[in-house]
Amino acid sequence: RRSRERDYNQQRNERNKSRTDCEEATDESLNRKQILSWISMSADCSMLADWLPN
């Protein structure tokens, strides 16, 4: 049970980190507000790369 709790915390930390990475990546975006609201509705933002300019 202890290790399951630790696994859960690690997964949550990784999710939070990826969300932060996405927010930093969208800092320069004109649609930043729209994208950030989309991120907050989304469980993960791995698909966000398709939105961003190269």
N, C-alpha and C. Protein backbone atom coordinates (compact mmCIF):
# COMPACT_ATOMS: atom_id res chain seq x y z
N ARG A 1 0.82 -1.20 0.00
CA ARG A 1 0.00 0.00 0.00
C ARG A 1 0.86 1.26 0.00
N ARG A 2 1.96 1.20 0.74
CA ARG A 2 2.85 2.35 0.82
C ARG A 2 3.43 2.67 -0.56
N SER A 3 3.86 1.63 -1.27
CA SER A 3 4.50 1.88 -2.56
C SER A 3 3.48 2.37 -3.58
N ARG A 4 2.24 1.92 -3.47
CA ARG A 4 1.21 2.40 -4.40
C ARG A 4 1.00 3.91 -4.21
N GLU A 5 1.02 4.33 -2.94
CA GLU A 5 0.88 5.76 -2.66
C GLU A 5 2.03 6.55 -3.27
N ARG A 6 3.22 6.00 -3.15
CA ARG A 6 4.39 6.69 -3.69
C ARG A 6 4.30 6.77 -5.22
N ASP A 7 3.86 5.68 -5.85
CA ASP A 7 3.70 5.68 -7.30
C ASP A 7 2.71 6.75 -7.73
N TYR A 8 1.62 6.85 -7.00
CA TYR A 8 0.60 7.84 -7.33
C TYR A 8 1.16 9.25 -7.23
N ASN A 9 1.90 9.52 -6.16
CA ASN A 9 2.49 10.85 -5.99
C ASN A 9 3.47 11.16 -7.10
N GLN A 10 4.24 10.15 -7.51
CA GLN A 10 5.21 10.37 -8.58
C GLN A 10 4.50 10.69 -9.89
N GLN A 11 3.44 9.96 -10.18
CA GLN A 11 2.68 10.24 -11.40
C GLN A 11 2.09 11.64 -11.37
N ARG A 12 1.57 12.03 -10.22
CA ARG A 12 0.98 13.36 -10.11
C ARG A 12 2.04 14.44 -10.31
N ASN A 13 3.22 14.21 -9.74
CA ASN A 13 4.30 15.18 -9.92
C ASN A 13 4.69 15.30 -11.38
N GLU A 14 4.74 14.17 -12.09
CA GLU A 14 5.11 14.21 -13.51
C GLU A 14 4.04 14.93 -14.31
N ARG A 15 2.77 14.70 -13.98
CA ARG A 15 1.70 15.42 -14.67
C ARG A 15 1.82 16.93 -14.45
N ASN A 16 2.06 17.32 -13.20
CA ASN A 16 2.19 18.74 -12.91
C ASN A 16 3.37 19.35 -13.66
N LYS A 17 4.46 18.60 -13.74
CA LYS A 17 5.64 19.10 -14.44
C LYS A 17 5.33 19.31 -15.91
N SER A 18 4.66 18.35 -16.55
CA SER A 18 4.38 18.49 -17.96
C SER A 18 3.42 19.64 -18.21
N ARG A 19 2.49 19.86 -17.29
CA ARG A 19 1.59 21.01 -17.43
C ARG A 19 2.38 22.32 -17.37
N THR A 20 3.34 22.39 -16.43
CA THR A 20 4.17 23.58 -16.32
C THR A 20 4.97 23.80 -17.59
N ASP A 21 5.54 22.72 -18.15
CA ASP A 21 6.30 22.83 -19.39
C ASP A 21 5.42 23.39 -20.50
N CYS A 22 4.19 22.94 -20.58
CA CYS A 22 3.28 23.41 -21.63
C CYS A 22 2.96 24.88 -21.42
N GLU A 23 2.76 25.28 -20.19
CA GLU A 23 2.45 26.69 -19.95
C GLU A 23 3.62 27.57 -20.33
N GLU A 24 4.84 27.11 -20.06
CA GLU A 24 6.01 27.88 -20.44
C GLU A 24 6.14 27.95 -21.96
N ALA A 25 5.80 26.85 -22.62
CA ALA A 25 5.91 26.81 -24.07
C ALA A 25 4.91 27.75 -24.74
N THR A 26 3.78 28.00 -24.07
CA THR A 26 2.76 28.86 -24.67
C THR A 26 2.92 30.31 -24.26
N ASP A 27 3.95 30.64 -23.48
CA ASP A 27 4.11 32.01 -23.00
C ASP A 27 4.11 33.02 -24.14
N GLU A 28 4.75 32.67 -25.26
CA GLU A 28 4.90 33.61 -26.36
C GLU A 28 3.69 33.60 -27.30
N SER A 29 2.76 32.70 -27.05
CA SER A 29 1.67 32.50 -28.00
C SER A 29 0.64 33.61 -27.93
N LEU A 30 0.13 34.00 -29.09
CA LEU A 30 -0.93 35.02 -29.13
C LEU A 30 -2.21 34.50 -28.50
N ASN A 31 -2.43 33.20 -28.60
CA ASN A 31 -3.64 32.59 -28.05
C ASN A 31 -3.39 32.00 -26.68
N ARG A 32 -2.47 32.60 -25.96
CA ARG A 32 -2.03 32.02 -24.68
C ARG A 32 -3.21 31.77 -23.75
N LYS A 33 -4.09 32.73 -23.62
CA LYS A 33 -5.20 32.59 -22.70
C LYS A 33 -6.09 31.43 -23.11
N GLN A 34 -6.38 31.35 -24.40
CA GLN A 34 -7.22 30.28 -24.91
C GLN A 34 -6.57 28.92 -24.69
N ILE A 35 -5.28 28.85 -24.99
CA ILE A 35 -4.57 27.57 -24.84
C ILE A 35 -4.46 27.17 -23.37
N LEU A 36 -4.22 28.15 -22.50
CA LEU A 36 -4.11 27.83 -21.09
C LEU A 36 -5.44 27.30 -20.55
N SER A 37 -6.54 27.87 -21.02
CA SER A 37 -7.83 27.37 -20.56
C SER A 37 -8.05 25.96 -21.11
N TRP A 38 -7.55 25.72 -22.33
CA TRP A 38 -7.67 24.38 -22.90
C TRP A 38 -6.82 23.38 -22.11
N ILE A 39 -5.62 23.83 -21.69
CA ILE A 39 -4.76 22.97 -20.88
C ILE A 39 -5.46 22.60 -19.57
N SER A 40 -6.09 23.60 -18.95
CA SER A 40 -6.67 23.35 -17.63
C SER A 40 -7.84 22.37 -17.73
N MET A 41 -8.46 22.29 -18.90
CA MET A 41 -9.53 21.31 -19.07
C MET A 41 -9.00 19.93 -19.44
N SER A 42 -7.75 19.90 -19.88
CA SER A 42 -7.18 18.67 -20.41
C SER A 42 -6.37 17.95 -19.34
N ALA A 43 -6.51 16.65 -19.27
CA ALA A 43 -5.77 15.86 -18.29
C ALA A 43 -4.26 15.94 -18.56
N ASP A 44 -3.88 15.84 -19.82
CA ASP A 44 -2.47 16.08 -20.16
C ASP A 44 -2.41 16.92 -21.43
N CYS A 45 -1.25 17.51 -21.69
CA CYS A 45 -1.16 18.45 -22.80
C CYS A 45 -0.15 17.99 -23.82
N SER A 46 -0.03 16.67 -24.00
CA SER A 46 0.94 16.18 -24.98
C SER A 46 0.53 16.55 -26.41
N MET A 47 -0.77 16.75 -26.63
CA MET A 47 -1.21 17.11 -27.97
C MET A 47 -1.01 18.60 -28.25
N LEU A 48 -0.61 19.36 -27.25
CA LEU A 48 -0.50 20.80 -27.40
C LEU A 48 0.56 21.18 -28.45
N ALA A 49 1.53 20.31 -28.64
CA ALA A 49 2.60 20.61 -29.59
C ALA A 49 2.05 20.89 -30.99
N ASP A 50 0.93 20.26 -31.34
CA ASP A 50 0.33 20.49 -32.64
C ASP A 50 -0.16 21.93 -32.78
N TRP A 51 -0.49 22.56 -31.66
CA TRP A 51 -1.02 23.92 -31.68
C TRP A 51 0.06 24.96 -31.83
N LEU A 52 1.25 24.64 -31.35
CA LEU A 52 2.28 25.66 -31.21
C LEU A 52 3.00 25.91 -32.53
N PRO A 53 3.39 27.18 -32.79
CA PRO A 53 4.23 27.48 -33.95
C PRO A 53 5.60 26.82 -33.78
N ASN A 54 6.24 26.51 -34.86
CA ASN A 54 7.53 25.82 -34.78
C ASN A 54 8.63 26.78 -34.33
